[in-house]
Amino acid sequence: PDVVVIFVGMNDTLRSDFDPVRLRADLAATVAALRSTGAHVLV
C-alpha cells in the first residue's frame, strides 16, 4: 500500500482484559511493519 488507515481500539476498551501496554506494543509493531515498506500510516 501507499497509505494505510488503522481504525481500531474501541473494542479493546470494552473487554475485561483491557491492557494498554499490550495495545501499545501491538500498534507499534503494526505501524513499524507498515512504515518499513514505505507506506504512509494514519491512526
Full PDB file with SEQRES, HELIX, SHEET, SSBOND, CRYST1, ORIGX, SCALE, CONECT and MASTER records, all heavy atoms in Angstrom:
SEQRES   1 A   43  PRO ASP VAL VAL VAL ILE PHE VAL GLY MET ASN ASP THR          
SEQRES   2 A   43  LEU ARG SER ASP PHE ASP PRO VAL ARG LEU ARG ALA ASP          
SEQRES   3 A   43  LEU ALA ALA THR VAL ALA ALA LEU ARG SER THR GLY ALA          
SEQRES   4 A   43  HIS VAL LEU VAL                                              
HELIX    1 AA1 MET A   10  THR A   13  1                                   4    
HELIX    2 AA2 PRO A   20  ARG A   35  1                                  16    
SHEET    1 AA1 2 VAL A   3  VAL A   5  0                                        
SHEET    2 AA1 2 HIS A  40  LEU A  42  1                                        
CRYST1    1.000    1.000    1.000  90.00  90.00  90.00 P 1           1          
ORIGX1      1.000000  0.000000  0.000000        0.00000                         
ORIGX2      0.000000  1.000000  0.000000        0.00000                         
ORIGX3      0.000000  0.000000  1.000000        0.00000                         
SCALE1      1.000000  0.000000  0.000000        0.00000                         
SCALE2      0.000000  1.000000  0.000000        0.00000                         
SCALE3      0.000000  0.000000  1.000000        0.00000                         
ATOM      1  N   PRO A   1       0.809  -1.227   0.000  1.00  0.00           N  
ATOM      2  CA  PRO A   1       0.000   0.000   0.000  1.00  0.00           C  
ATOM      3  C   PRO A   1       0.836   1.269   0.000  1.00  0.00           C  
ATOM      4  O   PRO A   1       1.992   1.282   0.451  1.00  0.00           O  
ATOM      5  CB  PRO A   1      -0.775  -0.120   1.313  1.00  0.00           C  
ATOM      6  CG  PRO A   1       0.142  -0.879   2.211  1.00  0.00           C  
ATOM      7  CD  PRO A   1       0.843  -1.878   1.315  1.00  0.00           C  
ATOM      8  N   ASP A   2       0.233   2.324  -0.500  1.00  0.00           N  
ATOM      9  CA  ASP A   2       0.808   3.661  -0.373  1.00  0.00           C  
ATOM     10  C   ASP A   2       0.351   4.316   0.924  1.00  0.00           C  
ATOM     11  O   ASP A   2       1.112   5.068   1.539  1.00  0.00           O  
ATOM     12  CB  ASP A   2       0.384   4.532  -1.560  1.00  0.00           C  
ATOM     13  CG  ASP A   2       0.818   3.935  -2.877  1.00  0.00           C  
ATOM     14  OD1 ASP A   2       2.035   3.912  -3.139  1.00  0.00           O  
ATOM     15  OD2 ASP A   2      -0.054   3.464  -3.638  1.00  0.00           O  
ATOM     16  N   VAL A   3      -0.885   4.062   1.307  1.00  0.00           N  
ATOM     17  CA  VAL A   3      -1.470   4.629   2.525  1.00  0.00           C  
ATOM     18  C   VAL A   3      -2.218   3.532   3.259  1.00  0.00           C  
ATOM     19  O   VAL A   3      -2.917   2.727   2.639  1.00  0.00           O  
ATOM     20  CB  VAL A   3      -2.429   5.803   2.210  1.00  0.00           C  
ATOM     21  CG1 VAL A   3      -3.145   6.276   3.471  1.00  0.00           C  
ATOM     22  CG2 VAL A   3      -1.667   6.961   1.573  1.00  0.00           C  
ATOM     23  N   VAL A   4      -2.082   3.506   4.589  1.00  0.00           N  
ATOM     24  CA  VAL A   4      -2.818   2.566   5.422  1.00  0.00           C  
ATOM     25  C   VAL A   4      -3.516   3.347   6.533  1.00  0.00           C  
ATOM     26  O   VAL A   4      -2.882   4.150   7.225  1.00  0.00           O  
ATOM     27  CB  VAL A   4      -1.900   1.505   6.047  1.00  0.00           C  
ATOM     28  CG1 VAL A   4      -2.709   0.541   6.914  1.00  0.00           C  
ATOM     29  CG2 VAL A   4      -1.147   0.744   4.962  1.00  0.00           C  
ATOM     30  N   VAL A   5      -4.807   3.105   6.704  1.00  0.00           N  
ATOM     31  CA  VAL A   5      -5.576   3.688   7.800  1.00  0.00           C  
ATOM     32  C   VAL A   5      -5.830   2.593   8.834  1.00  0.00           C  
ATOM     33  O   VAL A   5      -6.313   1.511   8.488  1.00  0.00           O  
ATOM     34  CB  VAL A   5      -6.921   4.264   7.310  1.00  0.00           C  
ATOM     35  CG1 VAL A   5      -7.717   4.822   8.491  1.00  0.00           C  
ATOM     36  CG2 VAL A   5      -6.693   5.344   6.258  1.00  0.00           C  
ATOM     37  N   ILE A   6      -5.516   2.874  10.084  1.00  0.00           N  
ATOM     38  CA  ILE A   6      -5.757   1.936  11.188  1.00  0.00           C  
ATOM     39  C   ILE A   6      -6.850   2.520  12.066  1.00  0.00           C  
ATOM     40  O   ILE A   6      -6.669   3.574  12.674  1.00  0.00           O  
ATOM     41  CB  ILE A   6      -4.485   1.679  12.005  1.00  0.00           C  
ATOM     42  CG1 ILE A   6      -3.368   1.131  11.115  1.00  0.00           C  
ATOM     43  CG2 ILE A   6      -4.774   0.720  13.152  1.00  0.00           C  
ATOM     44  CD1 ILE A   6      -2.035   0.986  11.825  1.00  0.00           C  
ATOM     45  N   PHE A   7      -7.982   1.833  12.109  1.00  0.00           N  
ATOM     46  CA  PHE A   7      -9.116   2.306  12.913  1.00  0.00           C  
ATOM     47  C   PHE A   7      -9.546   1.162  13.822  1.00  0.00           C  
ATOM     48  O   PHE A   7     -10.381   0.331  13.459  1.00  0.00           O  
ATOM     49  CB  PHE A   7     -10.271   2.737  11.997  1.00  0.00           C  
ATOM     50  CG  PHE A   7     -11.278   3.637  12.673  1.00  0.00           C  
ATOM     51  CD1 PHE A   7     -11.438   4.936  12.251  1.00  0.00           C  
ATOM     52  CD2 PHE A   7     -12.057   3.184  13.725  1.00  0.00           C  
ATOM     53  CE1 PHE A   7     -12.354   5.783  12.866  1.00  0.00           C  
ATOM     54  CE2 PHE A   7     -12.963   4.005  14.353  1.00  0.00           C  
ATOM     55  CZ  PHE A   7     -13.109   5.316  13.917  1.00  0.00           C  
ATOM     56  N   VAL A   8      -8.970   1.114  15.011  1.00  0.00           N  
ATOM     57  CA  VAL A   8      -9.249   0.018  15.934  1.00  0.00           C  
ATOM     58  C   VAL A   8      -8.880   0.480  17.342  1.00  0.00           C  
ATOM     59  O   VAL A   8      -8.049   1.373  17.505  1.00  0.00           O  
ATOM     60  CB  VAL A   8      -8.463  -1.253  15.539  1.00  0.00           C  
ATOM     61  CG1 VAL A   8      -6.972  -1.070  15.761  1.00  0.00           C  
ATOM     62  CG2 VAL A   8      -8.973  -2.486  16.260  1.00  0.00           C  
ATOM     63  N   GLY A   9      -9.510  -0.139  18.333  1.00  0.00           N  
ATOM     64  CA  GLY A   9      -9.177   0.186  19.716  1.00  0.00           C  
ATOM     65  C   GLY A   9     -10.371   0.275  20.637  1.00  0.00           C  
ATOM     66  O   GLY A   9     -10.276  -0.046  21.817  1.00  0.00           O  
ATOM     67  N   MET A  10     -11.518   0.710  20.111  1.00  0.00           N  
ATOM     68  CA  MET A  10     -12.678   0.869  20.987  1.00  0.00           C  
ATOM     69  C   MET A  10     -13.173  -0.468  21.515  1.00  0.00           C  
ATOM     70  O   MET A  10     -13.652  -0.552  22.653  1.00  0.00           O  
ATOM     71  CB  MET A  10     -13.799   1.608  20.255  1.00  0.00           C  
ATOM     72  CG  MET A  10     -13.505   3.082  20.016  1.00  0.00           C  
ATOM     73  SD  MET A  10     -13.122   4.024  21.517  1.00  0.00           S  
ATOM     74  CE  MET A  10     -14.721   4.004  22.340  1.00  0.00           C  
ATOM     75  N   ASN A  11     -13.051  -1.528  20.724  1.00  0.00           N  
ATOM     76  CA  ASN A  11     -13.442  -2.850  21.241  1.00  0.00           C  
ATOM     77  C   ASN A  11     -12.551  -3.276  22.403  1.00  0.00           C  
ATOM     78  O   ASN A  11     -13.005  -3.974  23.314  1.00  0.00           O  
ATOM     79  CB  ASN A  11     -13.396  -3.902  20.130  1.00  0.00           C  
ATOM     80  CG  ASN A  11     -14.535  -3.745  19.140  1.00  0.00           C  
ATOM     81  OD1 ASN A  11     -15.651  -3.421  19.520  1.00  0.00           O  
ATOM     82  ND2 ASN A  11     -14.249  -3.954  17.872  1.00  0.00           N  
ATOM     83  N   ASP A  12     -11.295  -2.859  22.371  1.00  0.00           N  
ATOM     84  CA  ASP A  12     -10.399  -3.173  23.486  1.00  0.00           C  
ATOM     85  C   ASP A  12     -10.910  -2.558  24.791  1.00  0.00           C  
ATOM     86  O   ASP A  12     -10.791  -3.176  25.856  1.00  0.00           O  
ATOM     87  CB  ASP A  12      -8.989  -2.653  23.188  1.00  0.00           C  
ATOM     88  CG  ASP A  12      -8.301  -3.442  22.093  1.00  0.00           C  
ATOM     89  OD1 ASP A  12      -8.458  -3.082  20.911  1.00  0.00           O  
ATOM     90  OD2 ASP A  12      -7.618  -4.422  22.412  1.00  0.00           O  
ATOM     91  N   THR A  13     -11.464  -1.351  24.703  1.00  0.00           N  
ATOM     92  CA  THR A  13     -11.902  -0.673  25.923  1.00  0.00           C  
ATOM     93  C   THR A  13     -13.078  -1.368  26.589  1.00  0.00           C  
ATOM     94  O   THR A  13     -13.345  -1.134  27.767  1.00  0.00           O  
ATOM     95  CB  THR A  13     -12.303   0.785  25.626  1.00  0.00           C  
ATOM     96  OG1 THR A  13     -13.488   0.817  24.810  1.00  0.00           O  
ATOM     97  CG2 THR A  13     -11.183   1.541  24.918  1.00  0.00           C  
ATOM     98  N   LEU A  14     -13.780  -2.219  25.847  1.00  0.00           N  
ATOM     99  CA  LEU A  14     -14.992  -2.856  26.370  1.00  0.00           C  
ATOM    100  C   LEU A  14     -14.724  -4.229  26.954  1.00  0.00           C  
ATOM    101  O   LEU A  14     -15.663  -4.895  27.402  1.00  0.00           O  
ATOM    102  CB  LEU A  14     -16.038  -2.968  25.250  1.00  0.00           C  
ATOM    103  CG  LEU A  14     -16.397  -1.656  24.549  1.00  0.00           C  
ATOM    104  CD1 LEU A  14     -17.385  -1.925  23.411  1.00  0.00           C  
ATOM    105  CD2 LEU A  14     -16.988  -0.652  25.537  1.00  0.00           C  
ATOM    106  N   ARG A  15     -13.470  -4.685  26.961  1.00  0.00           N  
ATOM    107  CA  ARG A  15     -13.145  -6.030  27.417  1.00  0.00           C  
ATOM    108  C   ARG A  15     -12.514  -5.992  28.805  1.00  0.00           C  
ATOM    109  O   ARG A  15     -11.783  -5.061  29.153  1.00  0.00           O  
ATOM    110  CB  ARG A  15     -12.193  -6.718  26.437  1.00  0.00           C  
ATOM    111  CG  ARG A  15     -12.729  -6.819  25.023  1.00  0.00           C  
ATOM    112  CD  ARG A  15     -13.988  -7.686  24.940  1.00  0.00           C  
ATOM    113  NE  ARG A  15     -14.359  -7.966  23.571  1.00  0.00           N  
ATOM    114  CZ  ARG A  15     -15.177  -7.217  22.843  1.00  0.00           C  
ATOM    115  NH1 ARG A  15     -15.683  -6.120  23.367  1.00  0.00           N  
ATOM    116  NH2 ARG A  15     -15.481  -7.561  21.604  1.00  0.00           N  
ATOM    117  N   SER A  16     -12.768  -7.050  29.574  1.00  0.00           N  
ATOM    118  CA  SER A  16     -12.259  -7.106  30.942  1.00  0.00           C  
ATOM    119  C   SER A  16     -10.741  -7.229  30.994  1.00  0.00           C  
ATOM    120  O   SER A  16     -10.123  -6.888  32.004  1.00  0.00           O  
ATOM    121  CB  SER A  16     -12.898  -8.277  31.693  1.00  0.00           C  
ATOM    122  OG  SER A  16     -12.602  -9.515  31.046  1.00  0.00           O  
ATOM    123  N   ASP A  17     -10.130  -7.713  29.909  1.00  0.00           N  
ATOM    124  CA  ASP A  17      -8.676  -7.874  29.895  1.00  0.00           C  
ATOM    125  C   ASP A  17      -7.970  -6.704  29.207  1.00  0.00           C  
ATOM    126  O   ASP A  17      -6.864  -6.859  28.681  1.00  0.00           O  
ATOM    127  CB  ASP A  17      -8.289  -9.190  29.219  1.00  0.00           C  
ATOM    128  CG  ASP A  17      -8.741  -9.253  27.760  1.00  0.00           C  
ATOM    129  OD1 ASP A  17      -9.548  -8.399  27.343  1.00  0.00           O  
ATOM    130  OD2 ASP A  17      -8.296 -10.173  27.038  1.00  0.00           O  
ATOM    131  N   PHE A  18      -8.598  -5.551  29.226  1.00  0.00           N  
ATOM    132  CA  PHE A  18      -8.000  -4.360  28.613  1.00  0.00           C  
ATOM    133  C   PHE A  18      -6.597  -4.126  29.159  1.00  0.00           C  
ATOM    134  O   PHE A  18      -6.370  -4.081  30.366  1.00  0.00           O  
ATOM    135  CB  PHE A  18      -8.880  -3.141  28.902  1.00  0.00           C  
ATOM    136  CG  PHE A  18      -8.303  -1.842  28.411  1.00  0.00           C  
ATOM    137  CD1 PHE A  18      -8.264  -1.564  27.056  1.00  0.00           C  
ATOM    138  CD2 PHE A  18      -7.817  -0.902  29.308  1.00  0.00           C  
ATOM    139  CE1 PHE A  18      -7.747  -0.363  26.600  1.00  0.00           C  
ATOM    140  CE2 PHE A  18      -7.298   0.296  28.863  1.00  0.00           C  
ATOM    141  CZ  PHE A  18      -7.265   0.575  27.506  1.00  0.00           C  
ATOM    142  N   ASP A  19      -5.649  -3.983  28.234  1.00  0.00           N  
ATOM    143  CA  ASP A  19      -4.242  -3.840  28.614  1.00  0.00           C  
ATOM    144  C   ASP A  19      -3.593  -2.796  27.701  1.00  0.00           C  
ATOM    145  O   ASP A  19      -3.182  -3.109  26.579  1.00  0.00           O  
ATOM    146  CB  ASP A  19      -3.524  -5.183  28.487  1.00  0.00           C  
ATOM    147  CG  ASP A  19      -2.079  -5.123  28.947  1.00  0.00           C  
ATOM    148  OD1 ASP A  19      -1.561  -4.017  29.163  1.00  0.00           O  
ATOM    149  OD2 ASP A  19      -1.459  -6.198  29.076  1.00  0.00           O  
ATOM    150  N   PRO A  20      -3.479  -1.547  28.156  1.00  0.00           N  
ATOM    151  CA  PRO A  20      -2.927  -0.503  27.285  1.00  0.00           C  
ATOM    152  C   PRO A  20      -1.473  -0.722  26.918  1.00  0.00           C  
ATOM    153  O   PRO A  20      -1.024  -0.265  25.858  1.00  0.00           O  
ATOM    154  CB  PRO A  20      -3.113   0.778  28.107  1.00  0.00           C  
ATOM    155  CG  PRO A  20      -3.251   0.327  29.520  1.00  0.00           C  
ATOM    156  CD  PRO A  20      -3.902  -1.018  29.464  1.00  0.00           C  
ATOM    157  N   VAL A  21      -0.721  -1.420  27.763  1.00  0.00           N  
ATOM    158  CA  VAL A  21       0.688  -1.690  27.440  1.00  0.00           C  
ATOM    159  C   VAL A  21       0.780  -2.654  26.260  1.00  0.00           C  
ATOM    160  O   VAL A  21       1.547  -2.438  25.305  1.00  0.00           O  
ATOM    161  CB  VAL A  21       1.421  -2.259  28.667  1.00  0.00           C  
ATOM    162  CG1 VAL A  21       2.843  -2.659  28.295  1.00  0.00           C  
ATOM    163  CG2 VAL A  21       1.422  -1.246  29.805  1.00  0.00           C  
ATOM    164  N   ARG A  22      -0.009  -3.705  26.295  1.00  0.00           N  
ATOM    165  CA  ARG A  22      -0.020  -4.657  25.179  1.00  0.00           C  
ATOM    166  C   ARG A  22      -0.583  -4.003  23.923  1.00  0.00           C  
ATOM    167  O   ARG A  22      -0.095  -4.238  22.801  1.00  0.00           O  
ATOM    168  CB  ARG A  22      -0.853  -5.887  25.552  1.00  0.00           C  
ATOM    169  CG  ARG A  22      -0.829  -6.986  24.492  1.00  0.00           C  
ATOM    170  CD  ARG A  22      -1.518  -8.233  25.011  1.00  0.00           C  
ATOM    171  NE  ARG A  22      -2.929  -7.965  25.337  1.00  0.00           N  
ATOM    172  CZ  ARG A  22      -3.714  -8.815  25.979  1.00  0.00           C  
ATOM    173  NH1 ARG A  22      -3.236  -9.979  26.403  1.00  0.00           N  
ATOM    174  NH2 ARG A  22      -4.969  -8.514  26.223  1.00  0.00           N  
ATOM    175  N   LEU A  23      -1.615  -3.181  24.094  1.00  0.00           N  
ATOM    176  CA  LEU A  23      -2.199  -2.478  22.952  1.00  0.00           C  
ATOM    177  C   LEU A  23      -1.159  -1.597  22.274  1.00  0.00           C  
ATOM    178  O   LEU A  23      -1.037  -1.580  21.045  1.00  0.00           O  
ATOM    179  CB  LEU A  23      -3.398  -1.663  23.428  1.00  0.00           C  
ATOM    180  CG  LEU A  23      -4.225  -0.917  22.388  1.00  0.00           C  
ATOM    181  CD1 LEU A  23      -5.689  -0.849  22.839  1.00  0.00           C  
ATOM    182  CD2 LEU A  23      -3.710   0.495  22.158  1.00  0.00           C  
ATOM    183  N   ARG A  24      -0.397  -0.871  23.088  1.00  0.00           N  
ATOM    184  CA  ARG A  24       0.661  -0.016  22.531  1.00  0.00           C  
ATOM    185  C   ARG A  24       1.689  -0.842  21.780  1.00  0.00           C  
ATOM    186  O   ARG A  24       2.127  -0.455  20.680  1.00  0.00           O  
ATOM    187  CB  ARG A  24       1.321   0.779  23.649  1.00  0.00           C  
ATOM    188  CG  ARG A  24       2.538   1.573  23.206  1.00  0.00           C  
ATOM    189  CD  ARG A  24       3.151   2.319  24.366  1.00  0.00           C  
ATOM    190  NE  ARG A  24       4.447   2.884  24.024  1.00  0.00           N  
ATOM    191  CZ  ARG A  24       5.198   3.614  24.851  1.00  0.00           C  
ATOM    192  NH1 ARG A  24       4.766   3.859  26.077  1.00  0.00           N  
ATOM    193  NH2 ARG A  24       6.362   4.083  24.456  1.00  0.00           N  
ATOM    194  N   ALA A  25       2.070  -1.983  22.335  1.00  0.00           N  
ATOM    195  CA  ALA A  25       3.066  -2.826  21.671  1.00  0.00           C  
ATOM    196  C   ALA A  25       2.541  -3.356  20.340  1.00  0.00           C  
ATOM    197  O   ALA A  25       3.276  -3.390  19.334  1.00  0.00           O  
ATOM    198  CB  ALA A  25       3.451  -3.984  22.587  1.00  0.00           C  
ATOM    199  N   ASP A  26       1.272  -3.754  20.302  1.00  0.00           N  
ATOM    200  CA  ASP A  26       0.692  -4.258  19.057  1.00  0.00           C  
ATOM    201  C   ASP A  26       0.601  -3.154  18.004  1.00  0.00           C  
ATOM    202  O   ASP A  26       0.898  -3.378  16.825  1.00  0.00           O  
ATOM    203  CB  ASP A  26      -0.697  -4.846  19.315  1.00  0.00           C  
ATOM    204  CG  ASP A  26      -0.647  -6.184  20.032  1.00  0.00           C  
ATOM    205  OD1 ASP A  26       0.333  -6.925  19.836  1.00  0.00           O  
ATOM    206  OD2 ASP A  26      -1.591  -6.494  20.777  1.00  0.00           O  
ATOM    207  N   LEU A  27       0.198  -1.964  18.428  1.00  0.00           N  
ATOM    208  CA  LEU A  27       0.113  -0.850  17.482  1.00  0.00           C  
ATOM    209  C   LEU A  27       1.499  -0.474  16.980  1.00  0.00           C  
ATOM    210  O   LEU A  27       1.685  -0.242  15.772  1.00  0.00           O  
ATOM    211  CB  LEU A  27      -0.561   0.354  18.137  1.00  0.00           C  
ATOM    212  CG  LEU A  27      -0.673   1.615  17.264  1.00  0.00           C  
ATOM    213  CD1 LEU A  27      -1.488   1.331  16.004  1.00  0.00           C  
ATOM    214  CD2 LEU A  27      -1.279   2.776  18.052  1.00  0.00           C  
ATOM    215  N   ALA A  28       2.467  -0.410  17.873  1.00  0.00           N  
ATOM    216  CA  ALA A  28       3.825  -0.039  17.466  1.00  0.00           C  
ATOM    217  C   ALA A  28       4.388  -1.029  16.458  1.00  0.00           C  
ATOM    218  O   ALA A  28       5.013  -0.637  15.452  1.00  0.00           O  
ATOM    219  CB  ALA A  28       4.729   0.051  18.694  1.00  0.00           C  
ATOM    220  N   ALA A  29       4.176  -2.319  16.699  1.00  0.00           N  
ATOM    221  CA  ALA A  29       4.685  -3.332  15.777  1.00  0.00           C  
ATOM    222  C   ALA A  29       3.990  -3.243  14.425  1.00  0.00           C  
ATOM    223  O   ALA A  29       4.630  -3.391  13.373  1.00  0.00           O  
ATOM    224  CB  ALA A  29       4.490  -4.722  16.380  1.00  0.00           C  
ATOM    225  N   THR A  30       2.684  -2.995  14.443  1.00  0.00           N  
ATOM    226  CA  THR A  30       1.922  -2.878  13.191  1.00  0.00           C  
ATOM    227  C   THR A  30       2.389  -1.681  12.378  1.00  0.00           C  
ATOM    228  O   THR A  30       2.655  -1.782  11.169  1.00  0.00           O  
ATOM    229  CB  THR A  30       0.415  -2.763  13.497  1.00  0.00           C  
ATOM    230  OG1 THR A  30      -0.008  -3.932  14.198  1.00  0.00           O  
ATOM    231  CG2 THR A  30      -0.393  -2.618  12.217  1.00  0.00           C  
ATOM    232  N   VAL A  31       2.517  -0.530  13.039  1.00  0.00           N  
ATOM    233  CA  VAL A  31       2.927   0.683  12.339  1.00  0.00           C  
ATOM    234  C   VAL A  31       4.361   0.541  11.819  1.00  0.00           C  
ATOM    235  O   VAL A  31       4.663   0.923  10.682  1.00  0.00           O  
ATOM    236  CB  VAL A  31       2.790   1.909  13.260  1.00  0.00           C  
ATOM    237  CG1 VAL A  31       3.413   3.143  12.609  1.00  0.00           C  
ATOM    238  CG2 VAL A  31       1.326   2.176  13.579  1.00  0.00           C  
ATOM    239  N   ALA A  32       5.238  -0.015  12.629  1.00  0.00           N  
ATOM    240  CA  ALA A  32       6.636  -0.174  12.195  1.00  0.00           C  
ATOM    241  C   ALA A  32       6.738  -1.068  10.969  1.00  0.00           C  
ATOM    242  O   ALA A  32       7.506  -0.785  10.035  1.00  0.00           O  
ATOM    243  CB  ALA A  32       7.475  -0.735  13.345  1.00  0.00           C  
ATOM    244  N   ALA A  33       5.958  -2.146  10.944  1.00  0.00           N  
ATOM    245  CA  ALA A  33       5.986  -3.043   9.785  1.00  0.00           C  
ATOM    246  C   ALA A  33       5.491  -2.333   8.525  1.00  0.00           C  
ATOM    247  O   ALA A  33       6.066  -2.497   7.442  1.00  0.00           O  
ATOM    248  CB  ALA A  33       5.135  -4.282  10.069  1.00  0.00           C  
ATOM    249  N   LEU A  34       4.464  -1.534   8.674  1.00  0.00           N  
ATOM    250  CA  LEU A  34       3.927  -0.810   7.519  1.00  0.00           C  
ATOM    251  C   LEU A  34       4.889   0.275   7.053  1.00  0.00           C  
ATOM    252  O   LEU A  34       5.107   0.460   5.852  1.00  0.00           O  
ATOM    253  CB  LEU A  34       2.570  -0.203   7.880  1.00  0.00           C  
ATOM    254  CG  LEU A  34       1.452  -1.215   8.148  1.00  0.00           C  
ATOM    255  CD1 LEU A  34       0.253  -0.532   8.802  1.00  0.00           C  
ATOM    256  CD2 LEU A  34       1.027  -1.916   6.863  1.00  0.00           C  
ATOM    257  N   ARG A  35       5.489   0.995   7.989  1.00  0.00           N  
ATOM    258  CA  ARG A  35       6.421   2.057   7.623  1.00  0.00           C  
ATOM    259  C   ARG A  35       7.668   1.487   6.955  1.00  0.00           C  
ATOM    260  O   ARG A  35       8.282   2.149   6.112  1.00  0.00           O  
ATOM    261  CB  ARG A  35       6.814   2.869   8.865  1.00  0.00           C  
ATOM    262  CG  ARG A  35       5.747   3.818   9.360  1.00  0.00           C  
ATOM    263  CD  ARG A  35       5.468   4.947   8.364  1.00  0.00           C  
ATOM    264  NE  ARG A  35       6.663   5.716   8.105  1.00  0.00           N  
ATOM    265  CZ  ARG A  35       7.098   6.044   6.892  1.00  0.00           C  
ATOM    266  NH1 ARG A  35       6.434   5.657   5.802  1.00  0.00           N  
ATOM    267  NH2 ARG A  35       8.193   6.765   6.752  1.00  0.00           N  
ATOM    268  N   SER A  36       8.039   0.266   7.312  1.00  0.00           N  
ATOM    269  CA  SER A  36       9.235  -0.333   6.708  1.00  0.00           C  
ATOM    270  C   SER A  36       9.060  -0.562   5.216  1.00  0.00           C  
ATOM    271  O   SER A  36      10.051  -0.698   4.489  1.00  0.00           O  
ATOM    272  CB  SER A  36       9.574  -1.649   7.411  1.00  0.00           C  
ATOM    273  OG  SER A  36       8.619  -2.654   7.096  1.00  0.00           O  
ATOM    274  N   THR A  37       7.819  -0.605   4.750  1.00  0.00           N  
ATOM    275  CA  THR A  37       7.556  -0.768   3.326  1.00  0.00           C  
ATOM    276  C   THR A  37       7.428   0.577   2.612  1.00  0.00           C  
ATOM    277  O   THR A  37       7.251   0.603   1.393  1.00  0.00           O  
ATOM    278  CB  THR A  37       6.254  -1.561   3.102  1.00  0.00           C  
ATOM    279  OG1 THR A  37       5.127  -0.754   3.480  1.00  0.00           O  
ATOM    280  CG2 THR A  37       6.256  -2.844   3.909  1.00  0.00           C  
ATOM    281  N   GLY A  38       7.466   1.673   3.368  1.00  0.00           N  
ATOM    282  CA  GLY A  38       7.302   2.999   2.788  1.00  0.00           C  
ATOM    283  C   GLY A  38       5.885   3.513   2.824  1.00  0.00           C  
ATOM    284  O   GLY A  38       5.622   4.626   2.348  1.00  0.00           O  
ATOM    285  N   ALA A  39       4.955   2.744   3.376  1.00  0.00           N  
ATOM    286  CA  ALA A  39       3.556   3.187   3.430  1.00  0.00           C  
ATOM    287  C   ALA A  39       3.397   4.340   4.408  1.00  0.00           C  
ATOM    288  O   ALA A  39       4.039   4.381   5.459  1.00  0.00           O  
ATOM    289  CB  ALA A  39       2.652   2.030   3.836  1.00  0.00           C  
ATOM    290  N   HIS A  40       2.549   5.284   4.050  1.00  0.00           N  
ATOM    291  CA  HIS A  40       2.154   6.353   4.965  1.00  0.00           C  
ATOM    292  C   HIS A  40       1.001   5.822   5.813  1.00  0.00           C  
ATOM    293  O   HIS A  40       0.044   5.249   5.276  1.00  0.00           O  
ATOM    294  CB  HIS A  40       1.716   7.590   4.187  1.00  0.00           C  
ATOM    295  CG  HIS A  40       1.527   8.805   5.038  1.00  0.00           C  
ATOM    296  ND1 HIS A  40       2.569   9.600   5.439  1.00  0.00           N  
ATOM    297  CD2 HIS A  40       0.408   9.341   5.590  1.00  0.00           C  
ATOM    298  CE1 HIS A  40       2.106  10.587   6.176  1.00  0.00           C  
ATOM    299  NE2 HIS A  40       0.798  10.450   6.296  1.00  0.00           N  
ATOM    300  N   VAL A  41       1.067   6.004   7.127  1.00  0.00           N  
ATOM    301  CA  VAL A  41       0.106   5.412   8.045  1.00  0.00           C  
ATOM    302  C   VAL A  41      -0.706   6.506   8.723  1.00  0.00           C  
ATOM    303  O   VAL A  41      -0.154   7.526   9.165  1.00  0.00           O  
ATOM    304  CB  VAL A  41       0.816   4.547   9.104  1.00  0.00           C  
ATOM    305  CG1 VAL A  41      -0.201   3.919  10.052  1.00  0.00           C  
ATOM    306  CG2 VAL A  41       1.654   3.467   8.422  1.00  0.00           C  
ATOM    307  N   LEU A  42      -2.012   6.293   8.815  1.00  0.00           N  
ATOM    308  CA  LEU A  42      -2.917   7.202   9.524  1.00  0.00           C  
ATOM    309  C   LEU A  42      -3.567   6.448  10.673  1.00  0.00           C  
ATOM    310  O   LEU A  42      -4.107   5.352  10.483  1.00  0.00           O  
ATOM    311  CB  LEU A  42      -3.997   7.746   8.576  1.00  0.00           C  
ATOM    312  CG  LEU A  42      -3.494   8.522   7.353  1.00  0.00           C  
ATOM    313  CD1 LEU A  42      -4.672   8.954   6.493  1.00  0.00           C  
ATOM    314  CD2 LEU A  42      -2.665   9.730   7.766  1.00  0.00           C  
ATOM    315  N   VAL A  43      -3.513   7.025  11.859  1.00  0.00           N  
ATOM    316  CA  VAL A  43      -4.111   6.418  13.044  1.00  0.00           C  
ATOM    317  C   VAL A  43      -5.079   7.409  13.687  1.00  0.00           C  
ATOM    318  O   VAL A  43      -5.132   8.580  13.301  1.00  0.00           O  
ATOM    319  CB  VAL A  43      -3.035   5.990  14.062  1.00  0.00           C  
ATOM    320  CG1 VAL A  43      -2.144   4.900  13.470  1.00  0.00           C  
ATOM    321  CG2 VAL A  43      -2.197   7.188  14.508  1.00  0.00           C  
TER     322      VAL A  43                                                      
MASTER        0    0    0    2    2    0    0    6  321    1    0    4          
END                                                                             
